[in-house]
N, C-alpha and C. Protein backbone atom coordinates (compact mmCIF):
# COMPACT_ATOMS: atom_id res chain seq x y z
N UNK A 1 0.83 -1.19 0.00
CA UNK A 1 0.00 0.00 0.00
C UNK A 1 0.88 1.27 0.00
N UNK A 2 1.94 1.23 0.80
CA UNK A 2 2.86 2.37 0.89
C UNK A 2 3.48 2.66 -0.48
N UNK A 3 3.95 1.62 -1.16
CA UNK A 3 4.57 1.79 -2.47
C UNK A 3 3.55 2.27 -3.50
N UNK A 4 2.34 1.76 -3.44
CA UNK A 4 1.30 2.15 -4.40
C UNK A 4 0.95 3.62 -4.23
N UNK A 5 0.73 4.05 -3.00
CA UNK A 5 0.39 5.44 -2.73
C UNK A 5 1.55 6.37 -3.09
N UNK A 6 2.75 5.97 -2.78
CA UNK A 6 3.94 6.75 -3.12
C UNK A 6 4.06 6.90 -4.64
N UNK A 7 3.88 5.79 -5.34
CA UNK A 7 3.96 5.82 -6.81
C UNK A 7 2.88 6.72 -7.40
N UNK A 8 1.68 6.67 -6.83
CA UNK A 8 0.57 7.49 -7.31
C UNK A 8 0.89 8.99 -7.15
N UNK A 9 1.41 9.37 -5.98
CA UNK A 9 1.76 10.78 -5.74
C UNK A 9 2.90 11.22 -6.65
N UNK A 10 3.86 10.35 -6.83
CA UNK A 10 5.04 10.68 -7.63
C UNK A 10 4.76 10.62 -9.14
N UNK A 11 3.61 10.12 -9.54
CA UNK A 11 3.29 9.96 -10.97
C UNK A 11 3.31 11.30 -11.72
N UNK A 12 3.06 12.39 -11.03
CA UNK A 12 3.08 13.71 -11.68
C UNK A 12 4.50 14.23 -11.91
N UNK A 13 5.48 13.61 -11.30
CA UNK A 13 6.86 14.06 -11.45
C UNK A 13 7.32 13.90 -12.89
N UNK A 14 7.92 14.97 -13.42
CA UNK A 14 8.43 14.92 -14.78
C UNK A 14 7.44 15.34 -15.85
N UNK A 15 6.19 15.57 -15.48
CA UNK A 15 5.17 15.94 -16.47
C UNK A 15 5.08 17.44 -16.70
N UNK A 16 5.34 18.22 -15.67
CA UNK A 16 5.23 19.68 -15.76
C UNK A 16 6.50 20.30 -15.17
N UNK A 17 7.35 20.86 -16.01
CA UNK A 17 8.61 21.42 -15.51
C UNK A 17 8.43 22.50 -14.43
N UNK A 18 7.37 23.30 -14.54
CA UNK A 18 7.14 24.35 -13.54
C UNK A 18 6.79 23.73 -12.19
N UNK A 19 5.93 22.72 -12.21
CA UNK A 19 5.57 22.03 -10.96
C UNK A 19 6.79 21.34 -10.36
N UNK A 20 7.57 20.69 -11.20
CA UNK A 20 8.78 20.02 -10.71
C UNK A 20 9.74 21.00 -10.05
N UNK A 21 9.96 22.16 -10.70
CA UNK A 21 10.85 23.17 -10.12
C UNK A 21 10.31 23.68 -8.79
N UNK A 22 8.99 23.88 -8.73
CA UNK A 22 8.37 24.36 -7.49
C UNK A 22 8.56 23.33 -6.37
N UNK A 23 8.34 22.07 -6.68
CA UNK A 23 8.47 21.01 -5.67
C UNK A 23 9.92 20.84 -5.22
N UNK A 24 10.83 20.94 -6.14
CA UNK A 24 12.25 20.86 -5.79
C UNK A 24 12.61 22.04 -4.89
N UNK A 25 12.14 23.22 -5.26
CA UNK A 25 12.41 24.42 -4.44
C UNK A 25 11.83 24.30 -3.05
N UNK A 26 10.59 23.84 -2.95
CA UNK A 26 9.97 23.68 -1.63
C UNK A 26 10.75 22.66 -0.82
N UNK A 27 11.16 21.58 -1.47
CA UNK A 27 11.92 20.55 -0.76
C UNK A 27 13.25 21.08 -0.25
N UNK A 28 13.88 21.93 -1.02
CA UNK A 28 15.20 22.44 -0.65
C UNK A 28 15.14 23.57 0.38
N UNK A 29 14.19 24.49 0.23
CA UNK A 29 14.19 25.65 1.12
C UNK A 29 13.03 25.69 2.11
N UNK A 30 12.15 24.70 2.07
CA UNK A 30 10.98 24.70 2.96
C UNK A 30 11.35 24.68 4.43
N UNK A 31 12.20 23.76 4.82
CA UNK A 31 12.58 23.67 6.24
C UNK A 31 13.37 24.90 6.67
N UNK A 32 14.37 25.37 5.91
CA UNK A 32 15.04 26.61 6.32
C UNK A 32 14.08 27.80 6.44
N UNK A 33 13.08 27.89 5.57
CA UNK A 33 12.10 28.97 5.69
C UNK A 33 11.26 28.83 6.95
N UNK A 34 10.91 27.59 7.30
CA UNK A 34 10.16 27.38 8.55
C UNK A 34 11.01 27.78 9.75
N UNK A 35 12.27 27.41 9.72
CA UNK A 35 13.18 27.77 10.82
C UNK A 35 13.29 29.30 10.92
N UNK A 36 13.42 29.96 9.79
CA UNK A 36 13.47 31.42 9.78
C UNK A 36 12.18 32.01 10.36
N UNK A 37 11.05 31.45 9.99
CA UNK A 37 9.76 31.93 10.51
C UNK A 37 9.68 31.75 12.02
N UNK A 38 10.23 30.65 12.53
CA UNK A 38 10.27 30.42 13.98
C UNK A 38 11.18 31.45 14.64
N UNK A 39 12.34 31.67 14.08
CA UNK A 39 13.29 32.65 14.64
C UNK A 39 12.66 34.04 14.68
N UNK A 40 11.94 34.40 13.64
CA UNK A 40 11.31 35.73 13.60
C UNK A 40 10.22 35.90 14.66
N UNK A 41 9.72 34.80 15.20
CA UNK A 41 8.72 34.89 16.26
C UNK A 41 9.29 35.56 17.52
N UNK A 42 10.60 35.57 17.63
CA UNK A 42 11.25 36.14 18.81
C UNK A 42 10.90 37.61 19.01
N UNK A 43 10.62 38.31 17.89
CA UNK A 43 10.41 39.74 17.96
C UNK A 43 8.94 40.16 17.83
N UNK A 44 8.02 39.24 18.04
CA UNK A 44 6.61 39.63 17.98
C UNK A 44 6.28 40.50 19.19
N UNK A 45 5.27 41.33 19.04
CA UNK A 45 4.89 42.25 20.11
C UNK A 45 3.81 41.66 21.03
N UNK A 46 2.86 40.94 20.46
CA UNK A 46 1.72 40.42 21.22
C UNK A 46 2.10 39.10 21.89
N UNK A 47 1.83 39.00 23.17
CA UNK A 47 2.08 37.78 23.94
C UNK A 47 3.53 37.30 23.77
N UNK A 48 4.43 38.26 23.86
CA UNK A 48 5.84 38.07 23.53
C UNK A 48 6.49 36.85 24.21
N UNK A 49 6.36 36.72 25.51
CA UNK A 49 7.10 35.66 26.22
C UNK A 49 6.50 34.28 25.96
N UNK A 50 5.20 34.22 25.76
CA UNK A 50 4.56 32.94 25.42
C UNK A 50 5.00 32.49 24.03
N UNK A 51 5.03 33.40 23.08
CA UNK A 51 5.44 33.06 21.72
C UNK A 51 6.93 32.70 21.70
N UNK A 52 7.73 33.40 22.49
CA UNK A 52 9.15 33.05 22.58
C UNK A 52 9.33 31.65 23.15
N UNK A 53 8.52 31.32 24.15
CA UNK A 53 8.58 29.96 24.71
C UNK A 53 8.24 28.94 23.62
N UNK A 54 7.22 29.23 22.83
CA UNK A 54 6.83 28.33 21.74
C UNK A 54 7.96 28.18 20.73
N UNK A 55 8.63 29.28 20.40
CA UNK A 55 9.73 29.23 19.44
C UNK A 55 10.89 28.39 19.98
N UNK A 56 11.22 28.58 21.25
CA UNK A 56 12.27 27.75 21.86
C UNK A 56 11.87 26.29 21.90
N UNK A 57 10.61 26.04 22.24
CA UNK A 57 10.10 24.66 22.26
C UNK A 57 10.20 24.03 20.87
N UNK A 58 9.88 24.81 19.84
CA UNK A 58 9.96 24.30 18.47
C UNK A 58 11.39 23.93 18.11
N UNK A 59 12.34 24.79 18.48
CA UNK A 59 13.74 24.49 18.19
C UNK A 59 14.22 23.24 18.91
N UNK A 60 13.86 23.10 20.16
CA UNK A 60 14.25 21.91 20.92
C UNK A 60 13.58 20.66 20.37
N UNK A 61 12.30 20.77 20.01
CA UNK A 61 11.56 19.63 19.45
C UNK A 61 12.20 19.19 18.13
N UNK A 62 12.59 20.15 17.33
CA UNK A 62 13.27 19.91 16.06
C UNK A 62 14.52 19.06 16.31
N UNK A 63 15.34 19.48 17.26
CA UNK A 63 16.60 18.77 17.56
C UNK A 63 16.36 17.38 18.15
N UNK A 64 15.41 17.28 19.06
CA UNK A 64 15.11 15.98 19.66
C UNK A 64 14.52 15.03 18.62
N UNK A 65 13.63 15.54 17.77
CA UNK A 65 13.08 14.71 16.70
C UNK A 65 14.16 14.17 15.78
N UNK A 66 15.10 15.01 15.40
CA UNK A 66 16.19 14.55 14.54
C UNK A 66 17.10 13.56 15.27
N UNK A 67 17.27 13.74 16.56
CA UNK A 67 18.06 12.76 17.35
C UNK A 67 17.35 11.41 17.38
N UNK A 68 16.04 11.43 17.53
CA UNK A 68 15.26 10.19 17.49
C UNK A 68 15.46 9.50 16.13
N UNK A 69 15.44 10.29 15.06
CA UNK A 69 15.66 9.72 13.73
C UNK A 69 17.01 9.03 13.62
N UNK A 70 18.04 9.67 14.17
CA UNK A 70 19.37 9.06 14.10
C UNK A 70 19.41 7.73 14.84
N UNK A 71 18.70 7.65 15.96
CA UNK A 71 18.62 6.38 16.69
C UNK A 71 17.89 5.33 15.85
N UNK A 72 16.79 5.71 15.24
CA UNK A 72 16.03 4.77 14.40
C UNK A 72 16.89 4.26 13.25
N UNK A 73 17.68 5.14 12.67
CA UNK A 73 18.52 4.76 11.53
C UNK A 73 19.59 3.72 11.89
N UNK A 74 19.86 3.57 13.17
CA UNK A 74 20.79 2.51 13.59
C UNK A 74 20.19 1.13 13.36
N UNK A 75 18.86 1.05 13.35
CA UNK A 75 18.18 -0.24 13.26
C UNK A 75 17.35 -0.44 12.00
N UNK A 76 16.87 0.64 11.40
CA UNK A 76 16.00 0.55 10.23
C UNK A 76 16.76 1.04 9.01
N UNK A 77 16.90 0.17 8.04
CA UNK A 77 17.63 0.48 6.81
C UNK A 77 16.70 0.31 5.62
N UNK A 78 15.83 1.28 5.42
CA UNK A 78 14.87 1.20 4.33
C UNK A 78 15.47 1.83 3.07
N UNK A 79 15.42 1.08 2.01
CA UNK A 79 15.95 1.54 0.72
C UNK A 79 15.03 2.62 0.16
N UNK A 80 15.61 3.61 -0.49
CA UNK A 80 14.86 4.70 -1.09
C UNK A 80 13.95 4.18 -2.21
N UNK A 81 12.79 4.82 -2.38
CA UNK A 81 11.83 4.31 -3.38
C UNK A 81 12.34 4.35 -4.81
N UNK A 82 13.21 5.28 -5.14
CA UNK A 82 13.75 5.34 -6.50
C UNK A 82 14.72 4.20 -6.77
N UNK A 83 15.31 3.65 -5.72
CA UNK A 83 16.25 2.53 -5.89
C UNK A 83 15.55 1.22 -6.24
N UNK A 84 14.26 1.14 -5.97
CA UNK A 84 13.51 -0.07 -6.30
C UNK A 84 12.47 0.17 -7.38
N UNK A 85 12.57 1.33 -8.06
CA UNK A 85 11.70 1.60 -9.19
C UNK A 85 10.30 2.07 -8.85
N UNK A 86 10.07 2.49 -7.61
CA UNK A 86 8.74 2.96 -7.22
C UNK A 86 8.51 4.40 -7.67
N UNK A 87 9.58 5.21 -7.63
CA UNK A 87 9.44 6.63 -7.97
C UNK A 87 10.43 7.05 -9.05
N UNK A 88 10.10 8.18 -9.65
CA UNK A 88 10.97 8.86 -10.61
C UNK A 88 11.66 9.99 -9.84
N UNK A 89 12.96 9.91 -9.68
CA UNK A 89 13.72 10.86 -8.87
C UNK A 89 14.03 12.13 -9.66
N UNK A 90 13.75 13.28 -9.06
CA UNK A 90 13.98 14.57 -9.72
C UNK A 90 15.23 15.30 -9.23
N UNK A 91 15.86 14.79 -8.19
CA UNK A 91 17.06 15.41 -7.63
C UNK A 91 18.16 14.37 -7.54
N UNK A 92 19.30 14.77 -7.06
CA UNK A 92 20.41 13.83 -6.88
C UNK A 92 20.04 12.80 -5.82
N UNK A 93 20.49 11.58 -5.98
CA UNK A 93 20.17 10.54 -4.99
C UNK A 93 20.76 10.87 -3.62
N UNK A 94 20.11 10.35 -2.60
CA UNK A 94 20.56 10.56 -1.23
C UNK A 94 21.45 9.40 -0.80
N UNK A 95 22.40 9.69 0.06
CA UNK A 95 23.34 8.67 0.49
C UNK A 95 22.87 7.91 1.73
N UNK A 96 21.81 8.38 2.37
CA UNK A 96 21.36 7.71 3.60
C UNK A 96 20.07 6.93 3.36
N UNK A 97 19.57 6.30 4.41
CA UNK A 97 18.37 5.48 4.33
C UNK A 97 17.13 6.36 4.26
N UNK A 98 16.04 5.75 3.85
CA UNK A 98 14.81 6.48 3.56
C UNK A 98 13.95 6.79 4.79
N UNK A 99 13.93 5.88 5.75
CA UNK A 99 13.02 6.02 6.90
C UNK A 99 13.79 6.43 8.15
N UNK A 100 13.29 7.41 8.87
CA UNK A 100 12.18 8.33 8.62
C UNK A 100 12.66 9.59 7.91
N UNK A 101 11.73 10.38 7.42
CA UNK A 101 12.06 11.61 6.70
C UNK A 101 12.45 12.71 7.68
N UNK A 102 13.67 13.20 7.55
CA UNK A 102 14.12 14.30 8.41
C UNK A 102 13.35 15.59 8.12
N UNK A 103 12.98 15.80 6.87
CA UNK A 103 12.21 17.00 6.53
C UNK A 103 10.85 16.99 7.23
N UNK A 104 10.20 15.83 7.22
CA UNK A 104 8.90 15.71 7.89
C UNK A 104 9.07 15.88 9.40
N UNK A 105 10.13 15.30 9.95
CA UNK A 105 10.40 15.43 11.38
C UNK A 105 10.57 16.89 11.77
N UNK A 106 11.42 17.58 11.05
CA UNK A 106 11.70 18.98 11.37
C UNK A 106 10.45 19.84 11.27
N UNK A 107 9.72 19.69 10.18
CA UNK A 107 8.56 20.55 9.97
C UNK A 107 7.44 20.24 10.94
N UNK A 108 7.19 18.97 11.23
CA UNK A 108 6.10 18.64 12.15
C UNK A 108 6.49 18.83 13.62
N UNK A 109 7.77 18.84 13.93
CA UNK A 109 8.19 19.22 15.28
C UNK A 109 7.80 20.66 15.55
N UNK A 110 8.00 21.51 14.56
CA UNK A 110 7.62 22.92 14.69
C UNK A 110 6.11 23.05 14.82
N UNK A 111 5.37 22.37 13.96
CA UNK A 111 3.90 22.42 14.02
C UNK A 111 3.41 21.99 15.39
N UNK A 112 3.89 20.85 15.85
CA UNK A 112 3.42 20.30 17.13
C UNK A 112 3.79 21.22 18.30
N UNK A 113 4.97 21.79 18.27
CA UNK A 113 5.38 22.69 19.36
C UNK A 113 4.46 23.90 19.45
N UNK A 114 4.13 24.49 18.32
CA UNK A 114 3.23 25.64 18.34
C UNK A 114 1.80 25.23 18.68
N UNK A 115 1.39 24.06 18.24
CA UNK A 115 0.05 23.57 18.58
C UNK A 115 -0.08 23.35 20.08
N UNK A 116 0.96 22.81 20.70
CA UNK A 116 0.93 22.54 22.14
C UNK A 116 0.95 23.81 22.97
N UNK A 117 1.31 24.91 22.35
CA UNK A 117 1.31 26.20 23.05
C UNK A 117 0.04 27.00 22.76
N UNK A 118 -0.93 26.35 22.11
CA UNK A 118 -2.23 26.96 21.82
C UNK A 118 -2.08 28.27 21.05
N UNK A 119 -1.34 28.20 19.97
CA UNK A 119 -1.17 29.35 19.07
C UNK A 119 -1.75 28.95 17.71
N UNK A 120 -3.07 29.01 17.56
CA UNK A 120 -3.74 28.42 16.40
C UNK A 120 -3.38 29.02 15.05
N UNK A 121 -3.24 30.33 14.94
CA UNK A 121 -2.90 30.91 13.64
C UNK A 121 -1.51 30.50 13.18
N UNK A 122 -0.59 30.56 14.09
CA UNK A 122 0.76 30.13 13.74
C UNK A 122 0.79 28.64 13.42
N UNK A 123 0.07 27.86 14.20
CA UNK A 123 0.01 26.43 13.96
C UNK A 123 -0.56 26.14 12.57
N UNK A 124 -1.60 26.84 12.19
CA UNK A 124 -2.20 26.64 10.86
C UNK A 124 -1.20 27.00 9.75
N UNK A 125 -0.53 28.11 9.90
CA UNK A 125 0.45 28.53 8.89
C UNK A 125 1.58 27.50 8.80
N UNK A 126 2.10 27.07 9.93
CA UNK A 126 3.17 26.08 9.93
C UNK A 126 2.69 24.73 9.40
N UNK A 127 1.44 24.39 9.64
CA UNK A 127 0.89 23.13 9.13
C UNK A 127 0.85 23.14 7.60
N UNK A 128 0.41 24.24 7.03
CA UNK A 128 0.39 24.36 5.56
C UNK A 128 1.80 24.20 5.01
N UNK A 129 2.75 24.86 5.64
CA UNK A 129 4.15 24.76 5.19
C UNK A 129 4.65 23.32 5.31
N UNK A 130 4.36 22.67 6.44
CA UNK A 130 4.83 21.30 6.66
C UNK A 130 4.22 20.33 5.65
N UNK A 131 2.94 20.49 5.36
CA UNK A 131 2.29 19.61 4.39
C UNK A 131 2.88 19.81 2.99
N UNK A 132 3.18 21.04 2.63
CA UNK A 132 3.82 21.30 1.33
C UNK A 132 5.20 20.66 1.26
N UNK A 133 5.95 20.77 2.33
CA UNK A 133 7.28 20.17 2.37
C UNK A 133 7.18 18.65 2.22
N UNK A 134 6.28 18.05 2.98
CA UNK A 134 6.12 16.59 2.92
C UNK A 134 5.67 16.14 1.53
N UNK A 135 4.70 16.87 0.96
CA UNK A 135 4.23 16.52 -0.39
C UNK A 135 5.37 16.64 -1.39
N UNK A 136 6.19 17.67 -1.24
CA UNK A 136 7.31 17.86 -2.17
C UNK A 136 8.29 16.69 -2.10
N UNK A 137 8.50 16.16 -0.91
CA UNK A 137 9.43 15.03 -0.75
C UNK A 137 8.91 13.79 -1.48
N UNK A 138 7.59 13.66 -1.52
CA UNK A 138 6.98 12.54 -2.25
C UNK A 138 7.01 12.81 -3.75
N UNK A 139 6.70 14.03 -4.14
CA UNK A 139 6.67 14.40 -5.55
C UNK A 139 8.03 14.21 -6.21
N UNK A 140 9.08 14.62 -5.52
CA UNK A 140 10.42 14.52 -6.14
C UNK A 140 10.98 13.10 -6.08
N UNK A 141 10.28 12.19 -5.38
CA UNK A 141 10.64 10.78 -5.41
C UNK A 141 11.66 10.32 -4.40
N UNK A 142 11.93 11.12 -3.40
CA UNK A 142 12.99 10.78 -2.44
C UNK A 142 12.50 9.93 -1.28
N UNK A 143 11.19 9.94 -1.00
CA UNK A 143 10.63 9.22 0.15
C UNK A 143 9.37 8.45 -0.20
N UNK A 144 9.09 7.44 0.61
CA UNK A 144 7.80 6.76 0.64
C UNK A 144 6.86 7.57 1.53
N UNK A 145 5.56 7.36 1.36
CA UNK A 145 4.57 7.99 2.24
C UNK A 145 4.84 7.59 3.69
N UNK A 146 5.16 6.34 3.92
CA UNK A 146 5.45 5.85 5.27
C UNK A 146 6.63 6.55 5.92
N UNK A 147 7.62 6.93 5.11
CA UNK A 147 8.78 7.66 5.63
C UNK A 147 8.35 9.02 6.16
N UNK A 148 7.46 9.67 5.41
CA UNK A 148 6.98 11.00 5.79
C UNK A 148 6.11 10.89 7.05
N UNK A 149 5.24 9.90 7.10
CA UNK A 149 4.40 9.71 8.29
C UNK A 149 5.28 9.39 9.50
N UNK A 150 6.27 8.53 9.31
CA UNK A 150 7.20 8.22 10.40
C UNK A 150 7.96 9.44 10.87
N UNK A 151 8.39 10.27 9.93
CA UNK A 151 9.10 11.50 10.28
C UNK A 151 8.21 12.47 11.03
N UNK A 152 6.96 12.60 10.58
CA UNK A 152 6.01 13.47 11.29
C UNK A 152 5.81 12.97 12.71
N UNK A 153 5.74 11.66 12.87
CA UNK A 153 5.55 11.06 14.19
C UNK A 153 6.74 11.36 15.10
N UNK A 154 7.96 11.23 14.60
CA UNK A 154 9.12 11.51 15.45
C UNK A 154 9.21 13.00 15.79
N UNK A 155 8.76 13.86 14.87
CA UNK A 155 8.71 15.29 15.17
C UNK A 155 7.73 15.59 16.30
N UNK A 156 6.57 14.95 16.26
CA UNK A 156 5.58 15.13 17.32
C UNK A 156 6.11 14.55 18.64
N UNK A 157 6.79 13.41 18.58
CA UNK A 157 7.40 12.85 19.80
C UNK A 157 8.40 13.83 20.41
N UNK A 158 9.20 14.46 19.56
CA UNK A 158 10.15 15.46 20.05
C UNK A 158 9.43 16.60 20.74
N UNK A 159 8.32 17.06 20.16
CA UNK A 159 7.55 18.15 20.76
C UNK A 159 6.92 17.73 22.08
N UNK A 160 6.46 16.50 22.17
CA UNK A 160 5.89 15.99 23.43
C UNK A 160 6.97 15.95 24.50
N UNK A 161 8.15 15.47 24.13
CA UNK A 161 9.25 15.40 25.10
C UNK A 161 9.60 16.79 25.62
N UNK A 162 9.63 17.77 24.73
CA UNK A 162 9.93 19.14 25.14
C UNK A 162 8.82 19.67 26.04
N UNK A 163 7.59 19.40 25.67
CA UNK A 163 6.44 19.87 26.47
C UNK A 163 6.51 19.33 27.89
N UNK A 164 6.95 18.08 28.03
CA UNK A 164 7.04 17.47 29.36
C UNK A 164 8.24 17.98 30.17
N UNK A 165 9.31 18.33 29.50
CA UNK A 165 10.55 18.69 30.20
C UNK A 165 10.81 20.19 30.34
N UNK A 166 10.28 20.97 29.44
CA UNK A 166 10.59 22.40 29.41
C UNK A 166 9.32 23.19 29.70
N UNK A 167 9.21 23.63 30.92
CA UNK A 167 7.99 24.30 31.39
C UNK A 167 8.05 25.81 31.17
N UNK A 168 6.92 26.34 30.71
CA UNK A 168 6.81 27.78 30.55
C UNK A 168 6.82 28.45 31.92
N UNK A 169 7.47 29.59 32.00
CA UNK A 169 7.62 30.39 33.22
C UNK A 169 8.50 29.74 34.29
N UNK A 170 9.23 28.70 33.93
CA UNK A 170 10.22 28.16 34.86
C UNK A 170 11.36 29.18 34.94
N UNK A 171 12.28 28.99 35.85
CA UNK A 171 13.41 29.92 35.95
C UNK A 171 14.20 29.98 34.66
N UNK A 172 14.49 28.80 34.11
CA UNK A 172 15.24 28.76 32.85
C UNK A 172 14.46 29.44 31.73
N UNK A 173 13.18 29.16 31.63
CA UNK A 173 12.36 29.78 30.58
C UNK A 173 12.32 31.30 30.74
N UNK A 174 12.12 31.76 31.96
CA UNK A 174 12.06 33.20 32.19
C UNK A 174 13.38 33.86 31.84
N UNK A 175 14.48 33.21 32.17
CA UNK A 175 15.80 33.75 31.84
C UNK A 175 16.00 33.84 30.34
N UNK A 176 15.68 32.78 29.63
CA UNK A 176 15.96 32.71 28.19
C UNK A 176 14.99 33.57 27.39
N UNK A 177 13.71 33.57 27.74
CA UNK A 177 12.74 34.31 26.93
C UNK A 177 12.85 35.82 27.10
N UNK A 178 13.60 36.27 28.08
CA UNK A 178 13.75 37.71 28.29
C UNK A 178 15.04 38.27 27.66
N UNK A 179 15.76 37.43 26.96
CA UNK A 179 16.96 37.88 26.24
C UNK A 179 16.52 38.73 25.06
N UNK A 180 17.18 39.85 24.86
CA UNK A 180 16.90 40.82 23.80
C UNK A 180 15.56 41.43 24.06
């Protein structure tokens, strides 16, 4: 089912050069743009310290999610879908394993961190960005759908871990969120 769905999504790859360029661009700069958007939250005027806490939580969730991925990669060695003929690859091949998707982890760690801080508008904007990034990874042929779902899951796990360990208005939080 994973291969069939992945192949179906990737079927549009190579048919429209403008769409392919857009998907490649989103895949390449989507996560850095999300990180920039999180960093820019530091200077918001409304509910400043709460939003700063959310931004810090997102950064920590991002890092923890990627650490979880590295642990998973010690045990799970899933071959990329283009290596078995499931997808048509639009970019250079990757040297690492397919599962889980680091792009999905990073983007959904940010989404989950902002969602857990009850910031609905920001969460919605980040969700749209994360979904575009994940779709682009499928369109360009670098991941299976399951890789993206697994990556989103590890990103959410990272955000949950941060939510449990890093409390808003703690001494550390108050110290860090009042910088600048």
